[in-house]
Structure formats: structure tokens, C-alpha cells
Amino acid sequence: MYAIQTKKRNTLISAAFISPAMVLYLGFVILPIAMSIYYSLTKWSGAGMPEFIGLRNFQRIFKNKDYWICFGNTVQCILFSLALQLPLGLIFAYLLSRTKVFYRLFRSIYFLPAVISPTAIGTMFLIFLNGDFGPFNLLLKNLGLHSITRNWLSDSGTVLYAVMFPMIWQYIGHYIIIFLAGIQSIPEDILESARMDGANSFQIFLKIVIPMLKNLIGVCVVLCFTGSVKAFDQAYVMTGGGPGVKSSYLAIRMYERAFTDNKLGEGTAIAITMLVFSLLFTVVFNKINKSEGLEY
């Protein structure tokens, strides 16, 4: 009887400590998601009462060619981010972990872009890639590469990659710091034993560092994916998603439909597709790694 009473008391105490966090989570996460699902099923301009129309918003956006162009742009952003941010972040983190001179200075320099406002980064690259007076075109001209110069932010063949580059570059430092913390948590005895056995730096990186950071790499893959799905700031500042929707992501499409065209129901429906897209990836990624006992 005493054991049962103690267990109940411990449960109540645990519930008392957890309840504030649960209330905040319900209020700031679950409730907004539930309201978004409701609004995605309505016709609403932001004023008056929403009119329930069922799945008509989803039918409309899936039939719209611009939505699928934005979806394709977002997928490209995800793929390039995964292919560049994570490998470069891991490589630079490993090199930084082996740096003895000016270690703190280099760590700060790498991380600095990640703490600058994305709007400021977008404005900086807007000037840098300007076709008329941008430093990038001036550099190409000085190198005798006049044929390569172009208006990078209005050429439909280059604009998507021009707005994608600042975002990818800005957050490499974010992953450098995450991977650096992981590398520093690897016991030095393991690395020293590998060196005594004749392993060089590349072999240590490939055979020891990467396998021991597998959990952390998985977490970073999910973070990188979900962050790329929400890509907005740099592209919106640099081109507004133009020309047309050539450099527009799903987040930009959502914003324009909701707040520029005053179609909050349709904009919210696009947001729900972004949420489902992220959840599906996370579930599939967990399934793939479940056999190895990895969950993210």
C-alpha cells in the first residue's frame, strides 16, 4: 500500500513539473497547428467570418502550375543544402578541431554569418550580385571573363541558384559548431590509439569521426531539411520570388497568397503541405534508421 501511495505521489509531482511545459506546448504548437488545419479548409480574407469550403483550397493549389514550380525550387534548395552544408560543416569542423593557433578566432569567424540577420545577408548579396555595379561582375570583367557576366538576379537560368547560395553559405557555420562539439566529445584515447596504429588524419576522419557522429549527423539532416523547407528571407529580399516564380519557394508562395492576395485559407493550405512534407520526411528517415536503433 505504501509503495502504491509513493508511486502516486511521485506521479503527481512529475505531472506538476511537466504541466507548465505541456500548457505552453499546447498553446504555442498544438493549438496553432489545429487552427491552421481549420483555416486551410475555409475561404477567408482575414476579415469577417471564415467560410468552410472543405478541401477546395488544396485542390486549387495542386492544380496550379506555380505551386509545383515553387515545390521544385524548394526540393532543389533541400538537396543542395544537404549536399553542401552538412559535408562542408563536418569537414571544416574536423579541420578546426585540429587547429591549435587562433582556434577561438577561427571558430568565431565561421559562426559569425549564422548570427547575422538573414535580411541583412540577402541585402548584402543583392548588392554583390547586381548586374550593373555588383562586385561579382566587376571581378569577372577584371579577370577577362566578360562572357560569363550577366544579371544574376533576373536571368531565369541563374536566379534560383543566386538566391540559394546566400542561405547555404550563411548556415554552414551553424553546422560547423554543432559538429565541432560532437568531435570534441570523442574520447581522445580513441584518436590517440588510432594515431599510434599508423592511421593518418583522413583515415581517422573517415573511420572514426564519421561513424561516431552518426547520431549527430542524423539530427543535422533533419534540421537541415526542415530549415530548407522554411527558406524565405534571402530569396524574398533579393528577388521577391521573381522573375515570375523562378526563385520562389513554398514559404514565399504561402506568404504571397495569404498576405498579398488576401487569401489566408489558400496560404494556410500551402503551409499545411509544408508541414506534411516535413513530417513525412522525418517519419521516413526514422524508419530507414530504425534498424540501427537511431531515432530523430
Protein backbone atom coordinates (compact mmCIF):
# COMPACT_ATOMS: atom_id res chain seq x y z
CA MET A 1 0.00 0.00 0.00
CA TYR A 2 2.83 2.37 0.93
CA ALA A 3 4.58 1.65 -2.36
CA ILE A 4 1.38 2.44 -4.31
CA GLN A 5 0.93 5.72 -2.44
CA THR A 6 4.54 6.68 -3.06
CA LYS A 7 4.17 5.91 -6.76
CA LYS A 8 1.02 8.04 -6.99
CA ARG A 9 2.73 10.90 -5.15
CA ASN A 10 5.73 10.73 -7.48
CA THR A 11 3.40 10.70 -10.48
CA LEU A 12 1.57 13.79 -9.22
CA ILE A 13 4.85 15.57 -8.54
CA SER A 14 6.11 14.71 -12.02
CA ALA A 15 2.84 15.91 -13.56
CA ALA A 16 3.07 19.18 -11.62
CA PHE A 17 6.55 19.86 -13.01
CA ILE A 18 5.65 18.82 -16.56
CA SER A 19 2.29 20.63 -16.77
CA PRO A 20 3.67 24.19 -17.34
CA ALA A 21 5.72 22.97 -20.29
CA MET A 22 2.76 21.00 -21.62
CA VAL A 23 0.47 24.03 -21.36
CA LEU A 24 2.99 26.15 -23.28
CA TYR A 25 3.46 23.40 -25.89
CA LEU A 26 -0.29 23.01 -26.36
CA GLY A 27 -0.80 26.77 -26.54
CA PHE A 28 2.06 27.65 -28.87
CA VAL A 29 2.39 24.50 -31.02
CA ILE A 30 -0.60 22.15 -31.00
CA LEU A 31 -3.34 24.82 -30.93
CA PRO A 32 -1.84 26.89 -33.80
CA ILE A 33 -1.46 23.73 -35.90
CA ALA A 34 -5.10 22.77 -35.22
CA MET A 35 -6.26 26.29 -36.11
CA SER A 36 -4.15 26.25 -39.29
CA ILE A 37 -5.76 22.98 -40.38
CA TYR A 38 -9.19 24.54 -39.83
CA TYR A 39 -8.34 27.74 -41.73
CA SER A 40 -6.90 25.69 -44.61
CA LEU A 41 -10.41 24.28 -45.08
CA THR A 42 -12.00 27.72 -45.30
CA LYS A 43 -12.29 30.68 -47.65
CA TRP A 44 -11.09 33.68 -45.65
CA SER A 45 -9.54 37.03 -46.48
CA GLY A 46 -8.59 37.84 -42.90
CA ALA A 47 -11.72 39.90 -42.28
CA GLY A 48 -15.15 38.62 -41.33
CA MET A 49 -16.03 35.02 -40.63
CA PRO A 50 -14.25 32.16 -42.44
CA GLU A 51 -16.44 30.21 -44.89
CA PHE A 52 -15.93 26.44 -44.69
CA ILE A 53 -15.20 25.02 -48.17
CA GLY A 54 -13.62 21.66 -47.37
CA LEU A 55 -10.66 20.56 -49.48
CA ARG A 56 -11.21 23.13 -52.22
CA ASN A 57 -8.09 25.10 -51.29
CA PHE A 58 -5.92 22.01 -51.63
CA GLN A 59 -7.50 21.15 -54.98
CA ARG A 60 -6.81 24.69 -56.18
CA ILE A 61 -3.15 24.79 -55.16
CA PHE A 62 -2.40 21.31 -56.51
CA LYS A 63 -3.86 22.29 -59.90
CA ASN A 64 -1.78 25.48 -60.01
CA LYS A 65 1.44 25.22 -62.03
CA ASP A 66 3.14 27.93 -59.96
CA TYR A 67 2.75 25.84 -56.80
CA TRP A 68 4.66 22.96 -58.35
CA ILE A 69 7.41 25.28 -59.62
CA CYS A 70 7.78 26.57 -56.05
CA PHE A 71 7.73 22.99 -54.78
CA GLY A 72 10.51 22.04 -57.22
CA ASN A 73 12.56 25.07 -56.16
CA THR A 74 12.16 24.06 -52.52
CA VAL A 75 13.25 20.48 -53.27
CA GLN A 76 16.34 21.82 -55.07
CA CYS A 77 17.11 24.02 -52.08
CA ILE A 78 16.82 21.00 -49.78
CA LEU A 79 19.09 18.84 -51.94
CA PHE A 80 21.78 21.50 -52.33
CA SER A 81 21.66 22.29 -48.61
CA LEU A 82 22.07 18.63 -47.66
CA ALA A 83 24.83 18.14 -50.24
CA LEU A 84 26.82 21.25 -49.26
CA GLN A 85 26.03 22.45 -45.75
CA LEU A 86 26.49 19.16 -43.90
CA PRO A 87 29.62 17.82 -45.65
CA LEU A 88 31.36 21.22 -45.58
CA GLY A 89 30.29 21.77 -41.98
CA LEU A 90 31.71 18.38 -40.96
CA ILE A 91 34.98 18.86 -42.86
CA PHE A 92 35.58 22.38 -41.52
CA ALA A 93 34.67 21.25 -38.01
CA TYR A 94 37.26 18.47 -38.18
CA LEU A 95 39.92 20.83 -39.51
CA LEU A 96 39.04 23.37 -36.82
CA SER A 97 39.27 20.71 -34.11
CA ARG A 98 42.89 20.12 -35.16
CA THR A 99 43.73 23.83 -35.16
CA LYS A 100 45.86 25.00 -32.24
CA VAL A 101 46.69 28.58 -33.29
CA PHE A 102 43.87 31.17 -33.35
CA TYR A 103 41.32 28.44 -32.64
CA ARG A 104 38.80 30.76 -30.98
CA LEU A 105 39.21 33.40 -33.69
CA PHE A 106 38.50 30.91 -36.50
CA ARG A 107 35.55 29.46 -34.58
CA SER A 108 34.04 32.92 -34.22
CA ILE A 109 34.64 33.77 -37.89
CA TYR A 110 32.96 30.58 -39.07
CA PHE A 111 29.93 31.10 -36.85
CA LEU A 112 29.55 34.85 -37.48
CA PRO A 113 27.32 34.59 -40.60
CA ALA A 114 24.83 32.38 -38.72
CA VAL A 115 24.09 35.14 -36.19
CA ILE A 116 23.62 37.89 -38.78
CA SER A 117 20.06 38.64 -39.83
CA PRO A 118 19.05 36.73 -42.99
CA THR A 119 17.59 40.00 -44.28
CA ALA A 120 20.99 41.67 -43.94
CA ILE A 121 22.65 38.73 -45.71
CA GLY A 122 20.07 38.94 -48.51
CA THR A 123 20.65 42.68 -48.91
CA MET A 124 24.42 42.16 -49.00
CA PHE A 125 24.18 39.58 -51.77
CA LEU A 126 21.58 41.68 -53.60
CA ILE A 127 24.27 44.35 -54.00
CA PHE A 128 27.07 41.82 -54.57
CA LEU A 129 25.24 40.12 -57.47
CA ASN A 130 23.82 43.27 -59.06
CA GLY A 131 24.26 43.04 -62.83
CA ASP A 132 25.25 46.69 -63.33
CA PHE A 133 27.54 47.64 -60.45
CA GLY A 134 27.87 44.43 -58.41
CA PRO A 135 31.40 43.47 -57.29
CA PHE A 136 30.99 39.94 -58.65
CA ASN A 137 30.50 41.06 -62.25
CA LEU A 138 33.29 43.64 -61.87
CA LEU A 139 35.62 40.88 -60.68
CA LEU A 140 34.75 38.71 -63.68
CA LYS A 141 35.35 41.64 -66.05
CA ASN A 142 38.74 42.36 -64.48
CA LEU A 143 39.66 38.72 -64.98
CA GLY A 144 38.71 38.96 -68.66
CA LEU A 145 35.61 36.79 -68.27
CA HIS A 146 33.17 39.23 -69.86
CA SER A 147 31.20 36.39 -71.49
CA ILE A 148 30.25 34.96 -68.11
CA THR A 149 28.87 38.19 -66.65
CA ARG A 150 25.10 38.55 -66.54
CA ASN A 151 22.31 39.92 -64.40
CA TRP A 152 22.31 37.05 -61.96
CA LEU A 153 19.06 38.05 -60.24
CA SER A 154 16.90 38.44 -63.34
CA ASP A 155 18.27 35.67 -65.56
CA SER A 156 15.79 32.78 -65.22
CA GLY A 157 18.62 30.28 -65.61
CA THR A 158 20.69 31.55 -62.69
CA VAL A 159 18.31 33.37 -60.33
CA LEU A 160 17.33 30.32 -58.26
CA TYR A 161 20.96 29.40 -57.57
CA ALA A 162 21.83 33.05 -56.91
CA VAL A 163 19.26 33.27 -54.09
CA MET A 164 20.05 29.75 -52.87
CA PHE A 165 23.76 30.39 -52.36
CA PRO A 166 23.46 33.03 -49.58
CA MET A 167 21.24 30.78 -47.46
CA ILE A 168 23.54 27.76 -47.87
CA TRP A 169 26.64 29.85 -47.14
CA GLN A 170 25.11 31.56 -44.10
CA TYR A 171 24.29 28.39 -42.16
CA ILE A 172 27.42 26.33 -42.84
CA GLY A 173 28.86 27.87 -39.67
CA HIS A 174 25.84 26.68 -37.71
CA TYR A 175 26.66 23.06 -38.55
CA ILE A 176 30.39 23.63 -38.02
CA ILE A 177 29.72 24.49 -34.38
CA ILE A 178 27.36 21.51 -33.91
CA PHE A 179 29.83 19.04 -35.44
CA LEU A 180 32.75 20.63 -33.60
CA ALA A 181 31.00 19.97 -30.29
CA GLY A 182 30.45 16.36 -31.37
CA ILE A 183 34.08 15.87 -32.40
CA GLN A 184 35.31 17.31 -29.11
CA SER A 185 33.13 14.79 -27.25
CA ILE A 186 35.00 11.85 -28.84
CA PRO A 187 37.42 10.43 -26.24
CA GLU A 188 40.98 11.47 -27.02
CA ASP A 189 42.18 7.95 -26.15
CA ILE A 190 40.44 6.54 -29.21
CA LEU A 191 42.02 9.10 -31.54
CA GLU A 192 45.45 8.65 -29.95
CA SER A 193 45.23 4.87 -30.30
CA ALA A 194 44.41 5.25 -33.99
CA ARG A 195 47.42 7.53 -34.48
CA MET A 196 49.70 5.05 -32.71
CA ASP A 197 48.43 2.33 -35.06
CA GLY A 198 49.53 4.46 -38.02
CA ALA A 199 46.22 5.99 -39.09
CA ASN A 200 46.53 9.35 -40.82
CA SER A 201 44.13 12.28 -40.42
CA PHE A 202 41.96 11.27 -43.37
CA GLN A 203 41.60 7.70 -42.09
CA ILE A 204 40.72 8.93 -38.61
CA PHE A 205 38.10 11.25 -40.10
CA LEU A 206 36.61 8.54 -42.30
CA LYS A 207 36.82 5.53 -39.99
CA ILE A 208 36.38 7.03 -36.53
CA VAL A 209 34.91 10.55 -36.57
CA ILE A 210 32.08 9.99 -39.06
CA PRO A 211 30.87 6.66 -37.53
CA MET A 212 30.96 8.09 -34.01
CA LEU A 213 28.96 11.15 -35.12
CA LYS A 214 26.28 9.13 -36.91
CA ASN A 215 23.56 10.12 -34.42
CA LEU A 216 24.53 13.79 -34.61
CA ILE A 217 24.67 13.70 -38.42
CA GLY A 218 21.14 12.27 -38.45
CA VAL A 219 19.88 15.11 -36.25
CA CYS A 220 21.57 17.65 -38.53
CA VAL A 221 19.98 16.07 -41.62
CA VAL A 222 16.52 16.61 -40.11
CA LEU A 223 17.41 20.17 -39.03
CA CYS A 224 18.80 20.97 -42.47
CA PHE A 225 15.75 19.52 -44.24
CA THR A 226 13.17 21.33 -42.13
CA GLY A 227 15.16 24.57 -42.27
CA SER A 228 15.31 24.41 -46.07
CA VAL A 229 11.56 23.77 -46.31
CA LYS A 230 11.04 27.08 -44.46
CA ALA A 231 13.52 29.02 -46.69
CA PHE A 232 12.17 32.53 -47.18
CA ASP A 233 14.22 35.55 -46.09
CA GLN A 234 17.15 35.74 -48.51
CA ALA A 235 15.12 34.91 -51.62
CA TYR A 236 12.33 37.34 -50.70
CA VAL A 237 14.76 40.20 -50.04
CA MET A 238 16.81 39.58 -53.18
CA THR A 239 14.12 38.92 -55.80
CA GLY A 240 10.71 38.66 -54.10
CA GLY A 241 10.50 35.22 -55.71
CA GLY A 242 10.80 36.60 -59.25
CA PRO A 243 11.04 36.78 -62.13
CA GLY A 244 7.60 35.19 -62.01
CA VAL A 245 8.09 32.35 -59.54
CA LYS A 246 11.50 31.26 -60.81
CA SER A 247 13.16 31.88 -57.44
CA SER A 248 10.11 31.41 -55.24
CA TYR A 249 9.96 28.78 -52.51
CA LEU A 250 6.84 27.32 -50.89
CA ALA A 251 7.19 29.74 -47.97
CA ILE A 252 7.21 32.72 -50.34
CA ARG A 253 4.23 31.33 -52.23
CA MET A 254 2.40 30.88 -48.92
CA TYR A 255 3.16 34.45 -47.84
CA GLU A 256 2.04 35.97 -51.15
CA ARG A 257 -1.24 34.06 -51.29
CA ALA A 258 -2.05 34.78 -47.65
CA PHE A 259 -0.97 38.39 -47.21
CA THR A 260 -0.53 39.88 -50.68
CA ASP A 261 -3.58 38.31 -52.34
CA ASN A 262 -5.59 38.21 -49.07
CA LYS A 263 -6.34 34.50 -49.46
CA LEU A 264 -5.47 33.28 -45.99
CA GLY A 265 -7.26 29.97 -46.46
CA GLU A 266 -5.20 29.09 -49.52
CA GLY A 267 -2.00 30.38 -47.95
CA THR A 268 -2.63 28.27 -44.85
CA ALA A 269 -3.26 25.24 -47.06
CA ILE A 270 0.21 25.71 -48.57
CA ALA A 271 1.63 25.91 -45.03
CA ILE A 272 -0.07 22.61 -44.18
CA THR A 273 1.53 20.94 -47.22
CA MET A 274 4.91 22.19 -45.96
CA LEU A 275 4.18 20.71 -42.54
CA VAL A 276 3.11 17.36 -44.01
CA PHE A 277 6.20 17.35 -46.27
CA SER A 278 8.49 17.81 -43.24
CA LEU A 279 6.65 15.22 -41.15
CA LEU A 280 6.76 12.63 -43.95
CA PHE A 281 10.49 13.10 -44.37
CA THR A 282 11.09 12.77 -40.62
CA VAL A 283 8.97 9.61 -40.39
CA VAL A 284 10.64 8.01 -43.43
CA PHE A 285 14.09 9.00 -42.16
CA ASN A 286 13.32 7.41 -38.79
CA LYS A 287 12.10 4.23 -40.48
CA ILE A 288 15.30 3.99 -42.51
CA ASN A 289 17.46 4.36 -39.40
CA LYS A 290 15.27 2.31 -37.05
CA SER A 291 17.13 -0.90 -37.84
CA GLU A 292 20.27 0.73 -36.42
CA GLY A 293 18.45 1.99 -33.35
CA LEU A 294 18.60 5.64 -34.43
CA GLU A 295 15.61 7.98 -33.91
CA TYR A 296 15.49 11.70 -34.57
